[in-house]
Amino acid sequence: LPVVMRTNGRRVVRATREVTVTVNRGRKFQRVVGFGGAFT
């Protein structure tokens, strides 16, 4: 779906770049314990 902008009343389709993210389940790394903050 194109992202549409209007400039000076004229319709403009904003150019974008294409990116690919690939998931490789064959390589695994560390296990996460969690996230948090400090109670000072």
PDB file of all heavy atoms in Angstrom:
ATOM      1  N   LEU A   1       0.853  -1.176   0.000  1.00  0.00           N
ATOM      2  CA  LEU A   1       0.000   0.000   0.000  1.00  0.00           C
ATOM      3  C   LEU A   1       0.894   1.233   0.000  1.00  0.00           C
ATOM      4  O   LEU A   1       1.735   1.384   0.870  1.00  0.00           O
ATOM      5  CB  LEU A   1      -0.863   0.016   1.268  1.00  0.00           C
ATOM      6  CG  LEU A   1      -1.848   1.161   1.412  1.00  0.00           C
ATOM      7  CD1 LEU A   1      -2.967   1.032   0.402  1.00  0.00           C
ATOM      8  CD2 LEU A   1      -2.413   1.191   2.821  1.00  0.00           C
ATOM      9  N   PRO A   2       0.790   2.105  -1.000  1.00  0.00           N
ATOM     10  CA  PRO A   2       1.685   3.269  -1.048  1.00  0.00           C
ATOM     11  C   PRO A   2       1.387   4.259   0.053  1.00  0.00           C
ATOM     12  O   PRO A   2       0.244   4.419   0.469  1.00  0.00           O
ATOM     13  CB  PRO A   2       1.398   3.874  -2.426  1.00  0.00           C
ATOM     14  CG  PRO A   2      -0.006   3.461  -2.723  1.00  0.00           C
ATOM     15  CD  PRO A   2      -0.182   2.095  -2.111  1.00  0.00           C
ATOM     16  N   VAL A   3       2.444   4.883   0.550  1.00  0.00           N
ATOM     17  CA  VAL A   3       2.290   5.974   1.493  1.00  0.00           C
ATOM     18  C   VAL A   3       2.075   7.259   0.695  1.00  0.00           C
ATOM     19  O   VAL A   3       2.869   7.599  -0.178  1.00  0.00           O
ATOM     20  CB  VAL A   3       3.530   6.110   2.391  1.00  0.00           C
ATOM     21  CG1 VAL A   3       3.368   7.291   3.317  1.00  0.00           C
ATOM     22  CG2 VAL A   3       3.717   4.835   3.191  1.00  0.00           C
ATOM     23  N   VAL A   4       0.988   7.954   0.965  1.00  0.00           N
ATOM     24  CA  VAL A   4       0.599   9.097   0.161  1.00  0.00           C
ATOM     25  C   VAL A   4       0.779  10.388   0.940  1.00  0.00           C
ATOM     26  O   VAL A   4       0.406  10.480   2.102  1.00  0.00           O
ATOM     27  CB  VAL A   4      -0.865   8.963  -0.309  1.00  0.00           C
ATOM     28  CG1 VAL A   4      -1.294  10.203  -1.087  1.00  0.00           C
ATOM     29  CG2 VAL A   4      -1.026   7.723  -1.165  1.00  0.00           C
ATOM     30  N   MET A   5       1.396  11.405   0.323  1.00  0.00           N
ATOM     31  CA  MET A   5       1.515  12.728   0.909  1.00  0.00           C
ATOM     32  C   MET A   5       0.875  13.727  -0.041  1.00  0.00           C
ATOM     33  O   MET A   5       0.669  13.441  -1.223  1.00  0.00           O
ATOM     34  CB  MET A   5       2.980  13.098   1.126  1.00  0.00           C
ATOM     35  CG  MET A   5       3.753  12.162   2.013  1.00  0.00           C
ATOM     36  SD  MET A   5       5.404  12.816   2.354  1.00  0.00           S
ATOM     37  CE  MET A   5       6.082  12.918   0.692  1.00  0.00           C
ATOM     38  N   ARG A   6       0.568  14.907   0.450  1.00  0.00           N
ATOM     39  CA  ARG A   6       0.085  15.986  -0.409  1.00  0.00           C
ATOM     40  C   ARG A   6       0.997  17.184  -0.242  1.00  0.00           C
ATOM     41  O   ARG A   6       1.244  17.629   0.867  1.00  0.00           O
ATOM     42  CB  ARG A   6      -1.365  16.356  -0.089  1.00  0.00           C
ATOM     43  CG  ARG A   6      -2.325  15.233  -0.429  1.00  0.00           C
ATOM     44  CD  ARG A   6      -3.789  15.658  -0.360  1.00  0.00           C
ATOM     45  NE  ARG A   6      -4.662  14.559  -0.720  1.00  0.00           N
ATOM     46  CZ  ARG A   6      -5.009  14.271  -1.971  1.00  0.00           C
ATOM     47  NH1 ARG A   6      -4.541  15.004  -2.970  1.00  0.00           N
ATOM     48  NH2 ARG A   6      -5.805  13.264  -2.226  1.00  0.00           N
ATOM     49  N   THR A   7       1.528  17.671  -1.338  1.00  0.00           N
ATOM     50  CA  THR A   7       2.411  18.825  -1.344  1.00  0.00           C
ATOM     51  C   THR A   7       1.810  19.893  -2.237  1.00  0.00           C
ATOM     52  O   THR A   7       1.602  19.648  -3.433  1.00  0.00           O
ATOM     53  CB  THR A   7       3.810  18.431  -1.851  1.00  0.00           C
ATOM     54  OG1 THR A   7       4.298  17.365  -1.045  1.00  0.00           O
ATOM     55  CG2 THR A   7       4.750  19.609  -1.768  1.00  0.00           C
ATOM     56  N   ASN A   8       1.493  21.054  -1.668  1.00  0.00           N
ATOM     57  CA  ASN A   8       0.883  22.158  -2.437  1.00  0.00           C
ATOM     58  C   ASN A   8      -0.363  21.691  -3.184  1.00  0.00           C
ATOM     59  O   ASN A   8      -0.606  22.045  -4.330  1.00  0.00           O
ATOM     60  CB  ASN A   8       1.885  22.752  -3.433  1.00  0.00           C
ATOM     61  CG  ASN A   8       3.066  23.389  -2.743  1.00  0.00           C
ATOM     62  OD1 ASN A   8       2.916  23.927  -1.651  1.00  0.00           O
ATOM     63  ND2 ASN A   8       4.245  23.329  -3.356  1.00  0.00           N
ATOM     64  N   GLY A   9      -1.143  20.835  -2.538  1.00  0.00           N
ATOM     65  CA  GLY A   9      -2.388  20.391  -3.130  1.00  0.00           C
ATOM     66  C   GLY A   9      -2.240  19.260  -4.118  1.00  0.00           C
ATOM     67  O   GLY A   9      -3.231  18.712  -4.602  1.00  0.00           O
ATOM     68  N   ARG A  10      -1.024  18.875  -4.476  1.00  0.00           N
ATOM     69  CA  ARG A  10      -0.824  17.802  -5.439  1.00  0.00           C
ATOM     70  C   ARG A  10      -0.516  16.489  -4.720  1.00  0.00           C
ATOM     71  O   ARG A  10       0.190  16.461  -3.725  1.00  0.00           O
ATOM     72  CB  ARG A  10       0.328  18.148  -6.382  1.00  0.00           C
ATOM     73  CG  ARG A  10       0.024  19.336  -7.307  1.00  0.00           C
ATOM     74  CD  ARG A  10       1.199  19.602  -8.214  1.00  0.00           C
ATOM     75  NE  ARG A  10       2.399  19.947  -7.449  1.00  0.00           N
ATOM     76  CZ  ARG A  10       3.593  20.128  -8.007  1.00  0.00           C
ATOM     77  NH1 ARG A  10       3.756  19.964  -9.308  1.00  0.00           N
ATOM     78  NH2 ARG A  10       4.637  20.459  -7.255  1.00  0.00           N
ATOM     79  N   ARG A  11      -1.038  15.405  -5.258  1.00  0.00           N
ATOM     80  CA  ARG A  11      -0.848  14.083  -4.670  1.00  0.00           C
ATOM     81  C   ARG A  11       0.532  13.562  -5.049  1.00  0.00           C
ATOM     82  O   ARG A  11       0.902  13.536  -6.221  1.00  0.00           O
ATOM     83  CB  ARG A  11      -1.935  13.140  -5.178  1.00  0.00           C
ATOM     84  CG  ARG A  11      -1.942  11.754  -4.542  1.00  0.00           C
ATOM     85  CD  ARG A  11      -3.186  11.012  -5.044  1.00  0.00           C
ATOM     86  NE  ARG A  11      -3.304   9.691  -4.450  1.00  0.00           N
ATOM     87  CZ  ARG A  11      -2.751   8.596  -4.950  1.00  0.00           C
ATOM     88  NH1 ARG A  11      -2.004   8.688  -6.043  1.00  0.00           N
ATOM     89  NH2 ARG A  11      -2.920   7.422  -4.368  1.00  0.00           N
ATOM     90  N   VAL A  12       1.311  13.136  -4.034  1.00  0.00           N
ATOM     91  CA  VAL A  12       2.660  12.634  -4.271  1.00  0.00           C
ATOM     92  C   VAL A  12       2.796  11.274  -3.585  1.00  0.00           C
ATOM     93  O   VAL A  12       2.400  11.115  -2.433  1.00  0.00           O
ATOM     94  CB  VAL A  12       3.733  13.596  -3.707  1.00  0.00           C
ATOM     95  CG1 VAL A  12       5.128  13.028  -3.924  1.00  0.00           C
ATOM     96  CG2 VAL A  12       3.593  14.965  -4.352  1.00  0.00           C
ATOM     97  N   VAL A  13       3.311  10.290  -4.314  1.00  0.00           N
ATOM     98  CA  VAL A  13       3.600   8.989  -3.714  1.00  0.00           C
ATOM     99  C   VAL A  13       5.053   8.994  -3.258  1.00  0.00           C
ATOM    100  O   VAL A  13       5.959   9.221  -4.063  1.00  0.00           O
ATOM    101  CB  VAL A  13       3.364   7.838  -4.711  1.00  0.00           C
ATOM    102  CG1 VAL A  13       3.742   6.497  -4.062  1.00  0.00           C
ATOM    103  CG2 VAL A  13       1.910   7.820  -5.149  1.00  0.00           C
ATOM    104  N   ARG A  14       5.270   8.784  -1.967  1.00  0.00           N
ATOM    105  CA  ARG A  14       6.614   8.867  -1.404  1.00  0.00           C
ATOM    106  C   ARG A  14       7.423   7.627  -1.771  1.00  0.00           C
ATOM    107  O   ARG A  14       6.973   6.493  -1.584  1.00  0.00           O
ATOM    108  CB  ARG A  14       6.525   9.011   0.109  1.00  0.00           C
ATOM    109  CG  ARG A  14       7.864   9.202   0.780  1.00  0.00           C
ATOM    110  CD  ARG A  14       7.698   9.761   2.180  1.00  0.00           C
ATOM    111  NE  ARG A  14       6.922   8.886   3.040  1.00  0.00           N
ATOM    112  CZ  ARG A  14       6.464   9.245   4.231  1.00  0.00           C
ATOM    113  NH1 ARG A  14       6.674  10.474   4.664  1.00  0.00           N
ATOM    114  NH2 ARG A  14       5.773   8.401   4.975  1.00  0.00           N
ATOM    115  N   ALA A  15       8.614   7.840  -2.266  1.00  0.00           N
ATOM    116  CA  ALA A  15       9.492   6.726  -2.627  1.00  0.00           C
ATOM    117  C   ALA A  15       9.989   6.032  -1.361  1.00  0.00           C
ATOM    118  O   ALA A  15      10.189   6.659  -0.330  1.00  0.00           O
ATOM    119  CB  ALA A  15      10.668   7.230  -3.444  1.00  0.00           C
ATOM    120  N   THR A  16      10.154   4.730  -1.437  1.00  0.00           N
ATOM    121  CA  THR A  16      10.653   3.966  -0.295  1.00  0.00           C
ATOM    122  C   THR A  16      11.748   3.019  -0.766  1.00  0.00           C
ATOM    123  O   THR A  16      11.954   2.800  -1.950  1.00  0.00           O
ATOM    124  CB  THR A  16       9.530   3.138   0.357  1.00  0.00           C
ATOM    125  OG1 THR A  16       9.013   2.221  -0.616  1.00  0.00           O
ATOM    126  CG2 THR A  16       8.406   4.022   0.861  1.00  0.00           C
ATOM    127  N   ARG A  17      12.446   2.425   0.211  1.00  0.00           N
ATOM    128  CA  ARG A  17      13.455   1.425  -0.096  1.00  0.00           C
ATOM    129  C   ARG A  17      12.941   0.057   0.328  1.00  0.00           C
ATOM    130  O   ARG A  17      12.081  -0.050   1.210  1.00  0.00           O
ATOM    131  CB  ARG A  17      14.755   1.764   0.623  1.00  0.00           C
ATOM    132  CG  ARG A  17      14.691   1.652   2.141  1.00  0.00           C
ATOM    133  CD  ARG A  17      15.905   2.300   2.789  1.00  0.00           C
ATOM    134  NE  ARG A  17      16.085   1.883   4.171  1.00  0.00           N
ATOM    135  CZ  ARG A  17      15.408   2.391   5.187  1.00  0.00           C
ATOM    136  NH1 ARG A  17      14.493   3.327   4.980  1.00  0.00           N
ATOM    137  NH2 ARG A  17      15.631   1.957   6.423  1.00  0.00           N
ATOM    138  N   GLU A  18      13.459  -0.988  -0.278  1.00  0.00           N
ATOM    139  CA  GLU A  18      13.041  -2.344   0.031  1.00  0.00           C
ATOM    140  C   GLU A  18      14.085  -3.011   0.919  1.00  0.00           C
ATOM    141  O   GLU A  18      15.283  -2.929   0.667  1.00  0.00           O
ATOM    142  CB  GLU A  18      12.847  -3.153  -1.253  1.00  0.00           C
ATOM    143  CG  GLU A  18      11.700  -2.642  -2.121  1.00  0.00           C
ATOM    144  CD  GLU A  18      11.442  -3.539  -3.314  1.00  0.00           C
ATOM    145  OE1 GLU A  18      12.140  -4.577  -3.436  1.00  0.00           O
ATOM    146  OE2 GLU A  18      10.555  -3.195  -4.119  1.00  0.00           O
ATOM    147  N   VAL A  19      13.602  -3.657   1.976  1.00  0.00           N
ATOM    148  CA  VAL A  19      14.471  -4.323   2.948  1.00  0.00           C
ATOM    149  C   VAL A  19      13.933  -5.725   3.183  1.00  0.00           C
ATOM    150  O   VAL A  19      12.711  -5.922   3.259  1.00  0.00           O
ATOM    151  CB  VAL A  19      14.524  -3.555   4.283  1.00  0.00           C
ATOM    152  CG1 VAL A  19      15.449  -4.251   5.268  1.00  0.00           C
ATOM    153  CG2 VAL A  19      14.952  -2.113   4.068  1.00  0.00           C
ATOM    154  N   THR A  20      14.829  -6.689   3.326  1.00  0.00           N
ATOM    155  CA  THR A  20      14.426  -8.064   3.629  1.00  0.00           C
ATOM    156  C   THR A  20      15.054  -8.493   4.952  1.00  0.00           C
ATOM    157  O   THR A  20      16.251  -8.291   5.179  1.00  0.00           O
ATOM    158  CB  THR A  20      14.877  -9.037   2.524  1.00  0.00           C
ATOM    159  OG1 THR A  20      14.272  -8.656   1.288  1.00  0.00           O
ATOM    160  CG2 THR A  20      14.464 -10.464   2.863  1.00  0.00           C
ATOM    161  N   VAL A  21      14.244  -9.069   5.828  1.00  0.00           N
ATOM    162  CA  VAL A  21      14.720  -9.687   7.061  1.00  0.00           C
ATOM    163  C   VAL A  21      14.480 -11.187   6.953  1.00  0.00           C
ATOM    164  O   VAL A  21      13.358 -11.620   6.677  1.00  0.00           O
ATOM    165  CB  VAL A  21      13.999  -9.108   8.292  1.00  0.00           C
ATOM    166  CG1 VAL A  21      14.227 -10.004   9.516  1.00  0.00           C
ATOM    167  CG2 VAL A  21      14.487  -7.699   8.587  1.00  0.00           C
ATOM    168  N   THR A  22      15.541 -11.965   7.148  1.00  0.00           N
ATOM    169  CA  THR A  22      15.458 -13.418   7.031  1.00  0.00           C
ATOM    170  C   THR A  22      15.698 -14.060   8.391  1.00  0.00           C
ATOM    171  O   THR A  22      16.659 -13.707   9.091  1.00  0.00           O
ATOM    172  CB  THR A  22      16.491 -13.947   6.026  1.00  0.00           C
ATOM    173  OG1 THR A  22      16.310 -13.277   4.775  1.00  0.00           O
ATOM    174  CG2 THR A  22      16.332 -15.443   5.820  1.00  0.00           C
ATOM    175  N   VAL A  23      14.821 -14.984   8.765  1.00  0.00           N
ATOM    176  CA  VAL A  23      14.936 -15.710  10.028  1.00  0.00           C
ATOM    177  C   VAL A  23      15.584 -17.063   9.761  1.00  0.00           C
ATOM    178  O   VAL A  23      15.118 -17.830   8.919  1.00  0.00           O
ATOM    179  CB  VAL A  23      13.556 -15.909  10.683  1.00  0.00           C
ATOM    180  CG1 VAL A  23      13.684 -16.704  11.985  1.00  0.00           C
ATOM    181  CG2 VAL A  23      12.887 -14.571  10.937  1.00  0.00           C
ATOM    182  N   ASN A  24      16.675 -17.350  10.470  1.00  0.00           N
ATOM    183  CA  ASN A  24      17.384 -18.621  10.330  1.00  0.00           C
ATOM    184  C   ASN A  24      17.282 -19.385  11.643  1.00  0.00           C
ATOM    185  O   ASN A  24      18.013 -19.105  12.598  1.00  0.00           O
ATOM    186  CB  ASN A  24      18.842 -18.387   9.952  1.00  0.00           C
ATOM    187  CG  ASN A  24      19.623 -19.687   9.822  1.00  0.00           C
ATOM    188  OD1 ASN A  24      19.051 -20.773   9.837  1.00  0.00           O
ATOM    189  ND2 ASN A  24      20.940 -19.581   9.708  1.00  0.00           N
ATOM    190  N   ARG A  25      16.390 -20.345  11.699  1.00  0.00           N
ATOM    191  CA  ARG A  25      16.186 -21.116  12.933  1.00  0.00           C
ATOM    192  C   ARG A  25      17.294 -22.128  13.175  1.00  0.00           C
ATOM    193  O   ARG A  25      17.362 -22.736  14.255  1.00  0.00           O
ATOM    194  CB  ARG A  25      14.827 -21.823  12.890  1.00  0.00           C
ATOM    195  CG  ARG A  25      13.665 -20.854  12.855  1.00  0.00           C
ATOM    196  CD  ARG A  25      12.327 -21.580  12.739  1.00  0.00           C
ATOM    197  NE  ARG A  25      11.252 -20.605  12.638  1.00  0.00           N
ATOM    198  CZ  ARG A  25      10.660 -20.042  13.678  1.00  0.00           C
ATOM    199  NH1 ARG A  25      11.047 -20.374  14.910  1.00  0.00           N
ATOM    200  NH2 ARG A  25       9.697 -19.159  13.515  1.00  0.00           N
ATOM    201  N   GLY A  26      18.154 -22.306  12.197  1.00  0.00           N
ATOM    202  CA  GLY A  26      19.249 -23.265  12.348  1.00  0.00           C
ATOM    203  C   GLY A  26      20.383 -22.758  13.218  1.00  0.00           C
ATOM    204  O   GLY A  26      21.217 -23.547  13.672  1.00  0.00           O
ATOM    205  N   ARG A  27      20.441 -21.444  13.461  1.00  0.00           N
ATOM    206  CA  ARG A  27      21.481 -20.879  14.320  1.00  0.00           C
ATOM    207  C   ARG A  27      20.834 -20.224  15.528  1.00  0.00           C
ATOM    208  O   ARG A  27      20.013 -19.306  15.384  1.00  0.00           O
ATOM    209  CB  ARG A  27      22.318 -19.858  13.561  1.00  0.00           C
ATOM    210  CG  ARG A  27      23.175 -20.453  12.446  1.00  0.00           C
ATOM    211  CD  ARG A  27      24.252 -19.471  12.038  1.00  0.00           C
ATOM    212  NE  ARG A  27      25.251 -19.307  13.103  1.00  0.00           N
ATOM    213  CZ  ARG A  27      26.159 -18.327  13.125  1.00  0.00           C
ATOM    214  NH1 ARG A  27      26.158 -17.397  12.172  1.00  0.00           N
ATOM    215  NH2 ARG A  27      27.036 -18.258  14.103  1.00  0.00           N
ATOM    216  N   LYS A  28      21.208 -20.690  16.723  1.00  0.00           N
ATOM    217  CA  LYS A  28      20.633 -20.175  17.961  1.00  0.00           C
ATOM    218  C   LYS A  28      21.755 -19.709  18.877  1.00  0.00           C
ATOM    219  O   LYS A  28      22.867 -20.237  18.845  1.00  0.00           O
ATOM    220  CB  LYS A  28      19.776 -21.242  18.639  1.00  0.00           C
ATOM    221  CG  LYS A  28      18.566 -21.665  17.803  1.00  0.00           C
ATOM    222  CD  LYS A  28      17.701 -22.686  18.513  1.00  0.00           C
ATOM    223  CE  LYS A  28      16.492 -23.047  17.661  1.00  0.00           C
ATOM    224  NZ  LYS A  28      15.606 -24.034  18.331  1.00  0.00           N
ATOM    225  N   PHE A  29      21.423 -18.736  19.715  1.00  0.00           N
ATOM    226  CA  PHE A  29      22.429 -18.103  20.553  1.00  0.00           C
ATOM    227  C   PHE A  29      21.960 -18.121  22.020  1.00  0.00           C
ATOM    228  O   PHE A  29      21.498 -19.134  22.498  1.00  0.00           O
ATOM    229  CB  PHE A  29      22.708 -16.686  20.052  1.00  0.00           C
ATOM    230  CG  PHE A  29      23.162 -16.649  18.616  1.00  0.00           C
ATOM    231  CD1 PHE A  29      22.252 -16.493  17.579  1.00  0.00           C
ATOM    232  CD2 PHE A  29      24.506 -16.793  18.298  1.00  0.00           C
ATOM    233  CE1 PHE A  29      22.661 -16.467  16.260  1.00  0.00           C
ATOM    234  CE2 PHE A  29      24.930 -16.777  16.978  1.00  0.00           C
ATOM    235  CZ  PHE A  29      24.013 -16.616  15.957  1.00  0.00           C
ATOM    236  N   GLN A  30      22.064 -16.988  22.722  1.00  0.00           N
ATOM    237  CA  GLN A  30      21.804 -16.969  24.156  1.00  0.00           C
ATOM    238  C   GLN A  30      20.308 -17.021  24.471  1.00  0.00           C
ATOM    239  O   GLN A  30      19.460 -16.680  23.658  1.00  0.00           O
ATOM    240  CB  GLN A  30      22.424 -15.719  24.796  1.00  0.00           C
ATOM    241  CG  GLN A  30      21.608 -14.437  24.673  1.00  0.00           C
ATOM    242  CD  GLN A  30      21.873 -13.667  23.398  1.00  0.00           C
ATOM    243  OE1 GLN A  30      22.364 -14.211  22.419  1.00  0.00           O
ATOM    244  NE2 GLN A  30      21.535 -12.379  23.404  1.00  0.00           N
ATOM    245  N   ARG A  31      20.040 -17.466  25.695  1.00  0.00           N
ATOM    246  CA  ARG A  31      18.667 -17.486  26.210  1.00  0.00           C
ATOM    247  C   ARG A  31      18.473 -16.282  27.130  1.00  0.00           C
ATOM    248  O   ARG A  31      19.325 -15.991  27.974  1.00  0.00           O
ATOM    249  CB  ARG A  31      18.395 -18.788  26.958  1.00  0.00           C
ATOM    250  CG  ARG A  31      16.917 -19.045  27.239  1.00  0.00           C
ATOM    251  CD  ARG A  31      16.716 -20.389  27.935  1.00  0.00           C
ATOM    252  NE  ARG A  31      17.112 -21.526  27.124  1.00  0.00           N
ATOM    253  CZ  ARG A  31      16.343 -22.109  26.208  1.00  0.00           C
ATOM    254  NH1 ARG A  31      15.124 -21.626  25.970  1.00  0.00           N
ATOM    255  NH2 ARG A  31      16.783 -23.152  25.534  1.00  0.00           N
ATOM    256  N   VAL A  32      17.353 -15.610  27.008  1.00  0.00           N
ATOM    257  CA  VAL A  32      17.098 -14.380  27.760  1.00  0.00           C
ATOM    258  C   VAL A  32      16.383 -14.685  29.073  1.00  0.00           C
ATOM    259  O   VAL A  32      15.454 -15.502  29.123  1.00  0.00           O
ATOM    260  CB  VAL A  32      16.271 -13.389  26.907  1.00  0.00           C
ATOM    261  CG1 VAL A  32      15.714 -12.255  27.758  1.00  0.00           C
ATOM    262  CG2 VAL A  32      17.138 -12.823  25.781  1.00  0.00           C
ATOM    263  N   VAL A  33      16.830 -14.030  30.140  1.00  0.00           N
ATOM    264  CA  VAL A  33      16.188 -14.148  31.452  1.00  0.00           C
ATOM    265  C   VAL A  33      15.085 -13.102  31.596  1.00  0.00           C
ATOM    266  O   VAL A  33      14.014 -13.383  32.136  1.00  0.00           O
ATOM    267  CB  VAL A  33      17.218 -13.999  32.584  1.00  0.00           C
ATOM    268  CG1 VAL A  33      16.535 -14.018  33.952  1.00  0.00           C
ATOM    269  CG2 VAL A  33      18.257 -15.108  32.497  1.00  0.00           C
ATOM    270  N   GLY A  34      15.321 -11.863  31.113  1.00  0.00           N
ATOM    271  CA  GLY A  34      14.267 -10.869  31.195  1.00  0.00           C
ATOM    272  C   GLY A  34      14.767  -9.444  31.174  1.00  0.00           C
ATOM    273  O   GLY A  34      15.927  -9.159  30.847  1.00  0.00           O
ATOM    274  N   PHE A  35      13.853  -8.535  31.566  1.00  0.00           N
ATOM    275  CA  PHE A  35      14.092  -7.096  31.551  1.00  0.00           C
ATOM    276  C   PHE A  35      13.510  -6.491  32.827  1.00  0.00           C
ATOM    277  O   PHE A  35      12.609  -7.051  33.451  1.00  0.00           O
ATOM    278  CB  PHE A  35      13.412  -6.455  30.335  1.00  0.00           C
ATOM    279  CG  PHE A  35      13.936  -6.956  29.022  1.00  0.00           C
ATOM    280  CD1 PHE A  35      13.464  -8.147  28.472  1.00  0.00           C
ATOM    281  CD2 PHE A  35      14.917  -6.257  28.328  1.00  0.00           C
ATOM    282  CE1 PHE A  35      13.947  -8.627  27.266  1.00  0.00           C
ATOM    283  CE2 PHE A  35      15.414  -6.730  27.124  1.00  0.00           C
ATOM    284  CZ  PHE A  35      14.921  -7.911  26.587  1.00  0.00           C
ATOM    285  N   GLY A  36      14.022  -5.318  33.199  1.00  0.00           N
ATOM    286  CA  GLY A  36      13.496  -4.683  34.404  1.00  0.00           C
ATOM    287  C   GLY A  36      14.072  -3.306  34.624  1.00  0.00           C
ATOM    288  O   GLY A  36      14.683  -2.706  33.745  1.00  0.00           O
ATOM    289  N   GLY A  37      13.866  -2.786  35.841  1.00  0.00           N
ATOM    290  CA  GLY A  37      14.344  -1.467  36.216  1.00  0.00           C
ATOM    291  C   GLY A  37      14.746  -1.450  37.677  1.00  0.00           C
ATOM    292  O   GLY A  37      14.555  -2.434  38.402  1.00  0.00           O
ATOM    293  N   ALA A  38      15.306  -0.325  38.104  1.00  0.00           N
ATOM    294  CA  ALA A  38      15.835  -0.204  39.466  1.00  0.00           C
ATOM    295  C   ALA A  38      14.842   0.492  40.386  1.00  0.00           C
ATOM    296  O   ALA A  38      14.222   1.489  40.013  1.00  0.00           O
ATOM    297  CB  ALA A  38      17.158   0.553  39.458  1.00  0.00           C
ATOM    298  N   PHE A  39      14.727  -0.042  41.597  1.00  0.00           N
ATOM    299  CA  PHE A  39      13.851   0.504  42.634  1.00  0.00           C
ATOM    300  C   PHE A  39      14.733   1.181  43.675  1.00  0.00           C
ATOM    301  O   PHE A  39      15.130   0.592  44.663  1.00  0.00           O
ATOM    302  CB  PHE A  39      13.030  -0.618  43.258  1.00  0.00           C
ATOM    303  CG  PHE A  39      11.701  -0.175  43.820  1.00  0.00           C
ATOM    304  CD1 PHE A  39      10.531  -0.526  43.190  1.00  0.00           C
ATOM    305  CD2 PHE A  39      11.636   0.586  44.969  1.00  0.00           C
ATOM    306  CE1 PHE A  39       9.299  -0.135  43.694  1.00  0.00           C
ATOM    307  CE2 PHE A  39      10.419   0.987  45.493  1.00  0.00           C
ATOM    308  CZ  PHE A  39       9.245   0.628  44.853  1.00  0.00           C
ATOM    309  N   THR A  40      15.072   2.434  43.439  1.00  0.00           N
ATOM    310  CA  THR A  40      15.969   3.187  44.313  1.00  0.00           C
ATOM    311  C   THR A  40      15.182   3.955  45.377  1.00  0.00           C
ATOM    312  O   THR A  40      13.943   3.975  45.368  1.00  0.00           O
ATOM    313  CB  THR A  40      16.779   4.195  43.484  1.00  0.00           C
ATOM    314  OG1 THR A  40      15.863   5.134  42.902  1.00  0.00           O
ATOM    315  CG2 THR A  40      17.558   3.507  42.379  1.00  0.00           C
TER     316      THR A  40
END
